């Protein structure tokens, strides 16, 4: 069965983030947040990179269970790591752990267990900085992701398939991204096809949708496009989503529309933590 390969140092997993860095990402995140979308998203990505480092840590050090890449697209398309990793497309998680640009005191929003959100100060390594400039060349970004994952698959035929996570707040400005997304999802190794997940931070408003299973649930036209571009959730991720309290079906896709910060973090945690890590 697909998506059952154990994740190990000999068979690592690949996680590639595509981050919208267009000018509109300077706009505020919905829900009365003080920070803009670009700043909030940088915080989320840095927090998730930290969690991947922690989950890969063992007594002797950080094991290379993951290869990680961050590609930005806005006024330009390319690797978006800051500091020592700048210019790198795909980096073993042990190198990520050792090479932050800096460490900062960050206010972390976390659930208080009673339905509210509280602030917590943490020391957070910074690998990725906010950028907001230019258009939204999503087709070019997806083409870049295709090349990266194709090269990775050629060397990792027995690994868990790559997970590509595209996060955007607007429509593509360089053409229809559907065909480019389809090409990525058609890439495969012995354990299944590449997984393409999408997060849409819409400026149009609307009720949040997590892991929908029908495009008709979505009123936003481009949200429906991103939904169709997204891969169905593998069984292991469906089970994990249900354990986290999400209502999902066997047809649910890896797509989120207009969620708040906590929802996006929970989506990313489910999508980047396969249950077969050893």
C-alpha atoms as a PDB file:
ATOM      1  CA  UNK A   1       0.000   0.000   0.000  1.00  0.00           C
ATOM      2  CA  UNK A   2       1.159   3.543  -0.757  1.00  0.00           C
ATOM      3  CA  UNK A   3       2.495   5.980   1.862  1.00  0.00           C
ATOM      4  CA  UNK A   4       3.653   3.283   4.256  1.00  0.00           C
ATOM      5  CA  UNK A   5       7.434   3.559   3.833  1.00  0.00           C
ATOM      6  CA  UNK A   6       9.246   3.938   7.150  1.00  0.00           C
ATOM      7  CA  UNK A   7      11.104   7.221   7.508  1.00  0.00           C
ATOM      8  CA  UNK A   8      14.699   6.631   8.511  1.00  0.00           C
ATOM      9  CA  UNK A   9      18.186   7.976   7.852  1.00  0.00           C
ATOM     10  CA  UNK A  10      18.559   5.599   4.900  1.00  0.00           C
ATOM     11  CA  UNK A  11      15.087   6.517   3.599  1.00  0.00           C
ATOM     12  CA  UNK A  12      14.417  10.142   4.601  1.00  0.00           C
ATOM     13  CA  UNK A  13      11.284  12.135   3.829  1.00  0.00           C
ATOM     14  CA  UNK A  14      11.231  15.306   1.729  1.00  0.00           C
ATOM     15  CA  UNK A  15       9.229  18.401   2.709  1.00  0.00           C
ATOM     16  CA  UNK A  16       9.207  21.382   0.351  1.00  0.00           C
ATOM     17  CA  UNK A  17       7.455  24.649   1.195  1.00  0.00           C
ATOM     18  CA  UNK A  18       6.362  27.068  -1.533  1.00  0.00           C
ATOM     19  CA  UNK A  19       5.786  30.460   0.088  1.00  0.00           C
ATOM     20  CA  UNK A  20       3.890  33.294  -1.591  1.00  0.00           C
ATOM     21  CA  UNK A  21       6.029  36.412  -1.125  1.00  0.00           C
ATOM     22  CA  UNK A  22       3.958  38.760  -3.307  1.00  0.00           C
ATOM     23  CA  UNK A  23       3.208  42.362  -2.347  1.00  0.00           C
ATOM     24  CA  UNK A  24      -0.220  41.474  -0.990  1.00  0.00           C
ATOM     25  CA  UNK A  25       1.407  39.378   1.738  1.00  0.00           C
ATOM     26  CA  UNK A  26       2.115  42.713   3.469  1.00  0.00           C
ATOM     27  CA  UNK A  27      -1.626  42.997   4.186  1.00  0.00           C
ATOM     28  CA  UNK A  28      -2.954  42.067   7.644  1.00  0.00           C
ATOM     29  CA  UNK A  29      -3.919  38.471   8.360  1.00  0.00           C
ATOM     30  CA  UNK A  30      -7.664  38.206   8.822  1.00  0.00           C
ATOM     31  CA  UNK A  31      -9.156  38.089  12.300  1.00  0.00           C
ATOM     32  CA  UNK A  32      -7.813  41.363  13.681  1.00  0.00           C
ATOM     33  CA  UNK A  33      -4.208  40.213  13.891  1.00  0.00           C
ATOM     34  CA  UNK A  34      -1.597  42.921  14.458  1.00  0.00           C
ATOM     35  CA  UNK A  35       1.025  41.374  12.184  1.00  0.00           C
ATOM     36  CA  UNK A  36       0.768  41.041   8.429  1.00  0.00           C
ATOM     37  CA  UNK A  37       0.501  37.771   6.558  1.00  0.00           C
ATOM     38  CA  UNK A  38       4.177  37.703   5.613  1.00  0.00           C
ATOM     39  CA  UNK A  39       5.365  38.165   9.217  1.00  0.00           C
ATOM     40  CA  UNK A  40       2.921  35.623  10.617  1.00  0.00           C
ATOM     41  CA  UNK A  41       3.796  33.069   7.962  1.00  0.00           C
ATOM     42  CA  UNK A  42       7.530  33.449   8.605  1.00  0.00           C
ATOM     43  CA  UNK A  43       6.853  32.765  12.284  1.00  0.00           C
ATOM     44  CA  UNK A  44       4.860  29.644  11.416  1.00  0.00           C
ATOM     45  CA  UNK A  45       7.550  28.271   9.068  1.00  0.00           C
ATOM     46  CA  UNK A  46      10.353  28.901  11.574  1.00  0.00           C
ATOM     47  CA  UNK A  47       8.333  27.251  14.316  1.00  0.00           C
ATOM     48  CA  UNK A  48       7.663  24.227  12.134  1.00  0.00           C
ATOM     49  CA  UNK A  49      11.329  23.914  11.140  1.00  0.00           C
ATOM     50  CA  UNK A  50      12.178  23.952  14.844  1.00  0.00           C
ATOM     51  CA  UNK A  51       9.638  21.174  15.502  1.00  0.00           C
ATOM     52  CA  UNK A  52      11.099  19.053  12.683  1.00  0.00           C
ATOM     53  CA  UNK A  53      14.555  19.478  14.235  1.00  0.00           C
ATOM     54  CA  UNK A  54      13.239  18.447  17.648  1.00  0.00           C
ATOM     55  CA  UNK A  55      11.383  15.410  16.298  1.00  0.00           C
ATOM     56  CA  UNK A  56      14.599  14.272  14.571  1.00  0.00           C
ATOM     57  CA  UNK A  57      16.792  14.728  17.657  1.00  0.00           C
ATOM     58  CA  UNK A  58      18.263  11.705  19.401  1.00  0.00           C
ATOM     59  CA  UNK A  59      20.935  11.305  22.092  1.00  0.00           C
ATOM     60  CA  UNK A  60      23.764  11.427  19.561  1.00  0.00           C
ATOM     61  CA  UNK A  61      22.367  14.455  17.694  1.00  0.00           C
ATOM     62  CA  UNK A  62      19.839  15.313  15.014  1.00  0.00           C
ATOM     63  CA  UNK A  63      19.271  12.437  12.610  1.00  0.00           C
ATOM     64  CA  UNK A  64      18.598  13.112   8.949  1.00  0.00           C
ATOM     65  CA  UNK A  65      15.017  11.862   8.836  1.00  0.00           C
ATOM     66  CA  UNK A  66      14.024  14.816   6.645  1.00  0.00           C
ATOM     67  CA  UNK A  67      15.303  16.860   3.727  1.00  0.00           C
ATOM     68  CA  UNK A  68      13.697  20.302   3.816  1.00  0.00           C
ATOM     69  CA  UNK A  69      13.410  23.132   1.298  1.00  0.00           C
ATOM     70  CA  UNK A  70      11.775  26.573   1.325  1.00  0.00           C
ATOM     71  CA  UNK A  71      11.098  28.253  -2.019  1.00  0.00           C
ATOM     72  CA  UNK A  72       9.739  31.790  -2.127  1.00  0.00           C
ATOM     73  CA  UNK A  73       7.871  33.329  -5.041  1.00  0.00           C
ATOM     74  CA  UNK A  74       7.122  37.000  -5.566  1.00  0.00           C
ATOM     75  CA  UNK A  75       9.397  39.483  -7.301  1.00  0.00           C
ATOM     76  CA  UNK A  76      11.655  36.465  -7.790  1.00  0.00           C
ATOM     77  CA  UNK A  77      11.430  32.676  -7.438  1.00  0.00           C
ATOM     78  CA  UNK A  78      14.045  30.682  -5.611  1.00  0.00           C
ATOM     79  CA  UNK A  79      15.449  29.333  -2.333  1.00  0.00           C
ATOM     80  CA  UNK A  80      14.306  31.412   0.630  1.00  0.00           C
ATOM     81  CA  UNK A  81      16.445  30.278   3.552  1.00  0.00           C
ATOM     82  CA  UNK A  82      18.264  33.103   5.348  1.00  0.00           C
ATOM     83  CA  UNK A  83      21.781  33.089   6.775  1.00  0.00           C
ATOM     84  CA  UNK A  84      24.190  30.162   6.240  1.00  0.00           C
ATOM     85  CA  UNK A  85      21.619  28.174   4.239  1.00  0.00           C
ATOM     86  CA  UNK A  86      20.851  30.974   1.765  1.00  0.00           C
ATOM     87  CA  UNK A  87      20.697  29.695  -1.809  1.00  0.00           C
ATOM     88  CA  UNK A  88      20.189  26.051  -0.791  1.00  0.00           C
ATOM     89  CA  UNK A  89      17.196  24.281  -2.351  1.00  0.00           C
ATOM     90  CA  UNK A  90      17.106  21.133  -0.220  1.00  0.00           C
ATOM     91  CA  UNK A  91      18.887  20.725   3.109  1.00  0.00           C
ATOM     92  CA  UNK A  92      19.213  17.713   5.476  1.00  0.00           C
ATOM     93  CA  UNK A  93      17.475  18.453   8.769  1.00  0.00           C
ATOM     94  CA  UNK A  94      20.749  18.048  10.735  1.00  0.00           C
ATOM     95  CA  UNK A  95      22.215  20.979   8.785  1.00  0.00           C
ATOM     96  CA  UNK A  96      19.040  22.987   9.341  1.00  0.00           C
ATOM     97  CA  UNK A  97      19.379  22.418  13.093  1.00  0.00           C
ATOM     98  CA  UNK A  98      22.990  23.616  13.092  1.00  0.00           C
ATOM     99  CA  UNK A  99      22.565  26.606  10.782  1.00  0.00           C
ATOM    100  CA  UNK A 100      19.914  29.132  11.831  1.00  0.00           C
ATOM    101  CA  UNK A 101      20.548  32.719  10.827  1.00  0.00           C
ATOM    102  CA  UNK A 102      19.935  33.832  14.423  1.00  0.00           C
ATOM    103  CA  UNK A 103      17.826  33.138  17.534  1.00  0.00           C
ATOM    104  CA  UNK A 104      15.094  35.518  18.713  1.00  0.00           C
ATOM    105  CA  UNK A 105      12.608  35.838  21.565  1.00  0.00           C
ATOM    106  CA  UNK A 106       9.216  35.243  19.964  1.00  0.00           C
ATOM    107  CA  UNK A 107       5.674  35.531  21.308  1.00  0.00           C
ATOM    108  CA  UNK A 108       4.016  32.216  20.470  1.00  0.00           C
ATOM    109  CA  UNK A 109       0.238  31.947  20.235  1.00  0.00           C
ATOM    110  CA  UNK A 110      -0.916  28.696  21.789  1.00  0.00           C
ATOM    111  CA  UNK A 111      -4.200  27.138  22.850  1.00  0.00           C
ATOM    112  CA  UNK A 112      -4.964  27.405  26.567  1.00  0.00           C
ATOM    113  CA  UNK A 113      -6.991  24.185  26.764  1.00  0.00           C
ATOM    114  CA  UNK A 114     -10.230  26.083  27.393  1.00  0.00           C
ATOM    115  CA  UNK A 115     -10.928  27.280  23.870  1.00  0.00           C
ATOM    116  CA  UNK A 116      -8.817  30.423  24.109  1.00  0.00           C
ATOM    117  CA  UNK A 117      -5.361  31.517  22.955  1.00  0.00           C
ATOM    118  CA  UNK A 118      -2.560  32.740  25.210  1.00  0.00           C
ATOM    119  CA  UNK A 119       0.868  34.286  24.581  1.00  0.00           C
ATOM    120  CA  UNK A 120       4.021  32.377  25.445  1.00  0.00           C
ATOM    121  CA  UNK A 121       7.590  33.656  24.966  1.00  0.00           C
ATOM    122  CA  UNK A 122       9.977  31.170  23.365  1.00  0.00           C
ATOM    123  CA  UNK A 123      13.533  31.274  22.003  1.00  0.00           C
ATOM    124  CA  UNK A 124      13.078  30.565  18.319  1.00  0.00           C
ATOM    125  CA  UNK A 125      15.814  29.904  15.746  1.00  0.00           C
ATOM    126  CA  UNK A 126      15.221  31.925  12.566  1.00  0.00           C
ATOM    127  CA  UNK A 127      15.873  30.318   9.198  1.00  0.00           C
ATOM    128  CA  UNK A 128      13.328  32.216   7.102  1.00  0.00           C
ATOM    129  CA  UNK A 129      12.520  35.932   6.956  1.00  0.00           C
ATOM    130  CA  UNK A 130       9.340  37.652   5.734  1.00  0.00           C
ATOM    131  CA  UNK A 131       9.328  39.122   2.223  1.00  0.00           C
ATOM    132  CA  UNK A 132       6.429  40.791   0.383  1.00  0.00           C
ATOM    133  CA  UNK A 133       7.110  42.188  -3.083  1.00  0.00           C
ATOM    134  CA  UNK A 134       5.950  41.682  -6.660  1.00  0.00           C
ATOM    135  CA  UNK A 135       3.331  39.429  -8.207  1.00  0.00           C
ATOM    136  CA  UNK A 136       2.354  35.805  -7.620  1.00  0.00           C
ATOM    137  CA  UNK A 137       4.273  33.641 -10.131  1.00  0.00           C
ATOM    138  CA  UNK A 138       2.783  30.391  -8.870  1.00  0.00           C
ATOM    139  CA  UNK A 139       3.271  28.473 -12.118  1.00  0.00           C
ATOM    140  CA  UNK A 140       6.988  29.206 -12.044  1.00  0.00           C
ATOM    141  CA  UNK A 141       7.161  28.183  -8.374  1.00  0.00           C
ATOM    142  CA  UNK A 142       5.365  24.902  -9.085  1.00  0.00           C
ATOM    143  CA  UNK A 143       7.703  24.254 -12.006  1.00  0.00           C
ATOM    144  CA  UNK A 144      10.658  24.828  -9.701  1.00  0.00           C
ATOM    145  CA  UNK A 145       9.134  22.420  -7.182  1.00  0.00           C
ATOM    146  CA  UNK A 146       8.702  19.834  -9.949  1.00  0.00           C
ATOM    147  CA  UNK A 147      12.425  19.970 -10.777  1.00  0.00           C
ATOM    148  CA  UNK A 148      13.479  19.718  -7.124  1.00  0.00           C
ATOM    149  CA  UNK A 149      11.195  16.782  -6.305  1.00  0.00           C
ATOM    150  CA  UNK A 150      12.014  14.967  -9.557  1.00  0.00           C
ATOM    151  CA  UNK A 151      15.734  15.080  -8.722  1.00  0.00           C
ATOM    152  CA  UNK A 152      15.054  13.993  -5.136  1.00  0.00           C
ATOM    153  CA  UNK A 153      12.895  11.054  -6.233  1.00  0.00           C
ATOM    154  CA  UNK A 154      15.618   9.792  -8.559  1.00  0.00           C
ATOM    155  CA  UNK A 155      17.820   9.216  -5.485  1.00  0.00           C
ATOM    156  CA  UNK A 156      15.079   8.091  -3.074  1.00  0.00           C
ATOM    157  CA  UNK A 157      12.901   5.499  -4.778  1.00  0.00           C
ATOM    158  CA  UNK A 158      11.925   3.688  -1.566  1.00  0.00           C
ATOM    159  CA  UNK A 159      11.282   6.690   0.674  1.00  0.00           C
ATOM    160  CA  UNK A 160       8.000   8.235   1.766  1.00  0.00           C
ATOM    161  CA  UNK A 161       6.972  10.432  -1.205  1.00  0.00           C
ATOM    162  CA  UNK A 162       7.783  14.158  -1.067  1.00  0.00           C
ATOM    163  CA  UNK A 163       5.280  16.538   0.515  1.00  0.00           C
ATOM    164  CA  UNK A 164       4.985  19.916  -1.231  1.00  0.00           C
ATOM    165  CA  UNK A 165       3.072  22.590   0.719  1.00  0.00           C
ATOM    166  CA  UNK A 166       2.033  25.710  -1.181  1.00  0.00           C
ATOM    167  CA  UNK A 167       0.895  28.705   0.895  1.00  0.00           C
ATOM    168  CA  UNK A 168      -0.644  31.661  -0.940  1.00  0.00           C
ATOM    169  CA  UNK A 169      -3.060  34.555  -0.503  1.00  0.00           C
ATOM    170  CA  UNK A 170      -3.981  35.165  -4.120  1.00  0.00           C
ATOM    171  CA  UNK A 171      -4.350  33.981  -7.677  1.00  0.00           C
ATOM    172  CA  UNK A 172      -1.429  33.090  -9.884  1.00  0.00           C
ATOM    173  CA  UNK A 173      -0.192  35.994 -12.022  1.00  0.00           C
ATOM    174  CA  UNK A 174       1.739  33.897 -14.555  1.00  0.00           C
ATOM    175  CA  UNK A 175      -0.976  31.581 -15.876  1.00  0.00           C
ATOM    176  CA  UNK A 176      -3.237  28.732 -14.801  1.00  0.00           C
ATOM    177  CA  UNK A 177      -1.433  26.650 -12.133  1.00  0.00           C
ATOM    178  CA  UNK A 178      -3.658  23.574 -12.506  1.00  0.00           C
ATOM    179  CA  UNK A 179      -1.499  21.837 -15.116  1.00  0.00           C
ATOM    180  CA  UNK A 180       1.711  22.577 -13.194  1.00  0.00           C
ATOM    181  CA  UNK A 181       0.152  21.141 -10.027  1.00  0.00           C
ATOM    182  CA  UNK A 182      -0.973  18.028 -11.887  1.00  0.00           C
ATOM    183  CA  UNK A 183       2.573  17.415 -13.143  1.00  0.00           C
ATOM    184  CA  UNK A 184       3.875  17.478  -9.562  1.00  0.00           C
ATOM    185  CA  UNK A 185       1.202  15.069  -8.313  1.00  0.00           C
ATOM    186  CA  UNK A 186       2.018  12.644 -11.131  1.00  0.00           C
ATOM    187  CA  UNK A 187       5.610  12.273  -9.923  1.00  0.00           C
ATOM    188  CA  UNK A 188       6.024   9.086  -7.888  1.00  0.00           C
ATOM    189  CA  UNK A 189       8.392   6.569  -6.365  1.00  0.00           C
ATOM    190  CA  UNK A 190       7.813   3.034  -5.073  1.00  0.00           C
ATOM    191  CA  UNK A 191       5.707   4.283  -2.139  1.00  0.00           C
ATOM    192  CA  UNK A 192       3.300   6.556  -3.994  1.00  0.00           C
ATOM    193  CA  UNK A 193       2.824   9.883  -5.721  1.00  0.00           C
ATOM    194  CA  UNK A 194       4.115  13.237  -4.564  1.00  0.00           C
ATOM    195  CA  UNK A 195       1.657  14.917  -2.165  1.00  0.00           C
ATOM    196  CA  UNK A 196       0.754  18.517  -2.985  1.00  0.00           C
ATOM    197  CA  UNK A 197      -1.082  20.412  -0.236  1.00  0.00           C
ATOM    198  CA  UNK A 198      -2.349  23.997  -0.436  1.00  0.00           C
ATOM    199  CA  UNK A 199      -3.160  26.678   2.133  1.00  0.00           C
ATOM    200  CA  UNK A 200      -5.230  29.627   0.888  1.00  0.00           C
ATOM    201  CA  UNK A 201      -5.135  32.776   3.010  1.00  0.00           C
ATOM    202  CA  UNK A 202      -7.950  34.562   1.181  1.00  0.00           C
ATOM    203  CA  UNK A 203      -8.463  38.305   1.225  1.00  0.00           C
ATOM    204  CA  UNK A 204     -12.119  37.753   0.302  1.00  0.00           C
ATOM    205  CA  UNK A 205     -13.136  36.451   3.729  1.00  0.00           C
ATOM    206  CA  UNK A 206     -15.448  33.509   4.185  1.00  0.00           C
ATOM    207  CA  UNK A 207     -15.834  30.648   6.620  1.00  0.00           C
ATOM    208  CA  UNK A 208     -12.670  28.618   7.275  1.00  0.00           C
ATOM    209  CA  UNK A 209     -12.522  25.165   5.717  1.00  0.00           C
ATOM    210  CA  UNK A 210     -10.106  22.455   6.891  1.00  0.00           C
ATOM    211  CA  UNK A 211      -9.590  19.307   4.813  1.00  0.00           C
ATOM    212  CA  UNK A 212     -12.756  19.708   2.664  1.00  0.00           C
ATOM    213  CA  UNK A 213     -13.904  16.790   0.510  1.00  0.00           C
ATOM    214  CA  UNK A 214     -16.063  18.696  -1.992  1.00  0.00           C
ATOM    215  CA  UNK A 215     -15.215  21.826  -3.970  1.00  0.00           C
ATOM    216  CA  UNK A 216     -18.840  22.974  -3.621  1.00  0.00           C
ATOM    217  CA  UNK A 217     -18.090  23.675   0.052  1.00  0.00           C
ATOM    218  CA  UNK A 218     -15.956  26.594  -1.128  1.00  0.00           C
ATOM    219  CA  UNK A 219     -17.492  29.862  -2.301  1.00  0.00           C
ATOM    220  CA  UNK A 220     -14.230  31.442  -3.430  1.00  0.00           C
ATOM    221  CA  UNK A 221     -13.452  30.553  -7.064  1.00  0.00           C
ATOM    222  CA  UNK A 222      -9.693  30.390  -6.617  1.00  0.00           C
ATOM    223  CA  UNK A 223     -10.134  28.349  -3.435  1.00  0.00           C
ATOM    224  CA  UNK A 224     -11.947  25.779  -5.561  1.00  0.00           C
ATOM    225  CA  UNK A 225      -8.995  25.785  -7.972  1.00  0.00           C
ATOM    226  CA  UNK A 226      -6.516  25.208  -5.143  1.00  0.00           C
ATOM    227  CA  UNK A 227      -8.740  22.454  -3.758  1.00  0.00           C
ATOM    228  CA  UNK A 228      -8.642  20.642  -7.107  1.00  0.00           C
ATOM    229  CA  UNK A 229      -4.864  21.122  -7.222  1.00  0.00           C
ATOM    230  CA  UNK A 230      -4.493  19.412  -3.828  1.00  0.00           C
ATOM    231  CA  UNK A 231      -3.791  15.726  -3.206  1.00  0.00           C
ATOM    232  CA  UNK A 232      -6.234  13.513  -1.293  1.00  0.00           C
ATOM    233  CA  UNK A 233      -5.039  12.845   2.254  1.00  0.00           C
ATOM    234  CA  UNK A 234      -3.331   9.452   2.722  1.00  0.00           C
ATOM    235  CA  UNK A 235      -4.986   7.108   5.226  1.00  0.00           C
ATOM    236  CA  UNK A 236      -2.358   7.766   7.896  1.00  0.00           C
ATOM    237  CA  UNK A 237      -2.975  11.531   7.737  1.00  0.00           C
ATOM    238  CA  UNK A 238      -6.762  11.027   7.766  1.00  0.00           C
ATOM    239  CA  UNK A 239      -6.362   9.010  10.961  1.00  0.00           C
ATOM    240  CA  UNK A 240      -4.094  11.682  12.458  1.00  0.00           C
ATOM    241  CA  UNK A 241      -6.551  14.453  11.532  1.00  0.00           C
ATOM    242  CA  UNK A 242      -9.370  12.551  13.203  1.00  0.00           C
ATOM    243  CA  UNK A 243      -7.286  12.121  16.367  1.00  0.00           C
ATOM    244  CA  UNK A 244      -6.848  15.908  16.346  1.00  0.00           C
ATOM    245  CA  UNK A 245     -10.619  16.369  16.196  1.00  0.00           C
ATOM    246  CA  UNK A 246     -11.025  17.300  12.533  1.00  0.00           C
ATOM    247  CA  UNK A 247     -14.029  16.061  10.582  1.00  0.00           C
ATOM    248  CA  UNK A 248     -12.530  14.320   7.567  1.00  0.00           C
ATOM    249  CA  UNK A 249     -13.651  11.690   5.095  1.00  0.00           C
ATOM    250  CA  UNK A 250     -11.906   9.317   2.745  1.00  0.00           C
ATOM    251  CA  UNK A 251     -12.240  12.025   0.058  1.00  0.00           C
ATOM    252  CA  UNK A 252     -10.714  14.867   2.092  1.00  0.00           C
ATOM    253  CA  UNK A 253      -7.895  16.754   0.428  1.00  0.00           C
ATOM    254  CA  UNK A 254      -4.837  18.455   1.827  1.00  0.00           C
ATOM    255  CA  UNK A 255      -6.315  21.923   1.566  1.00  0.00           C
ATOM    256  CA  UNK A 256      -7.095  24.711   4.027  1.00  0.00           C
ATOM    257  CA  UNK A 257      -9.095  27.855   3.286  1.00  0.00           C
ATOM    258  CA  UNK A 258      -8.992  31.021   5.379  1.00  0.00           C
ATOM    259  CA  UNK A 259      -7.983  29.378   8.625  1.00  0.00           C
ATOM    260  CA  UNK A 260      -6.638  31.286  11.602  1.00  0.00           C
ATOM    261  CA  UNK A 261      -3.028  30.984  12.738  1.00  0.00           C
ATOM    262  CA  UNK A 262      -3.645  28.014  15.022  1.00  0.00           C
ATOM    263  CA  UNK A 263      -5.544  26.179  12.276  1.00  0.00           C
ATOM    264  CA  UNK A 264      -2.699  26.642   9.807  1.00  0.00           C
ATOM    265  CA  UNK A 265      -0.185  25.364  12.352  1.00  0.00           C
ATOM    266  CA  UNK A 266      -2.328  22.290  13.072  1.00  0.00           C
ATOM    267  CA  UNK A 267      -2.693  21.620   9.351  1.00  0.00           C
ATOM    268  CA  UNK A 268       1.066  21.812   8.832  1.00  0.00           C
ATOM    269  CA  UNK A 269       1.767  19.595  11.827  1.00  0.00           C
ATOM    270  CA  UNK A 270      -0.583  16.905  10.488  1.00  0.00           C
ATOM    271  CA  UNK A 271       0.780  17.205   6.967  1.00  0.00           C
ATOM    272  CA  UNK A 272       4.434  17.015   7.942  1.00  0.00           C
ATOM    273  CA  UNK A 273       4.383  14.330  10.646  1.00  0.00           C
ATOM    274  CA  UNK A 274       3.849  10.919   9.040  1.00  0.00           C
ATOM    275  CA  UNK A 275       3.271   8.253  11.670  1.00  0.00           C
ATOM    276  CA  UNK A 276       6.001   5.937  10.380  1.00  0.00           C
ATOM    277  CA  UNK A 277       9.078   7.768  11.690  1.00  0.00           C
ATOM    278  CA  UNK A 278      11.640   5.474  13.303  1.00  0.00           C
END
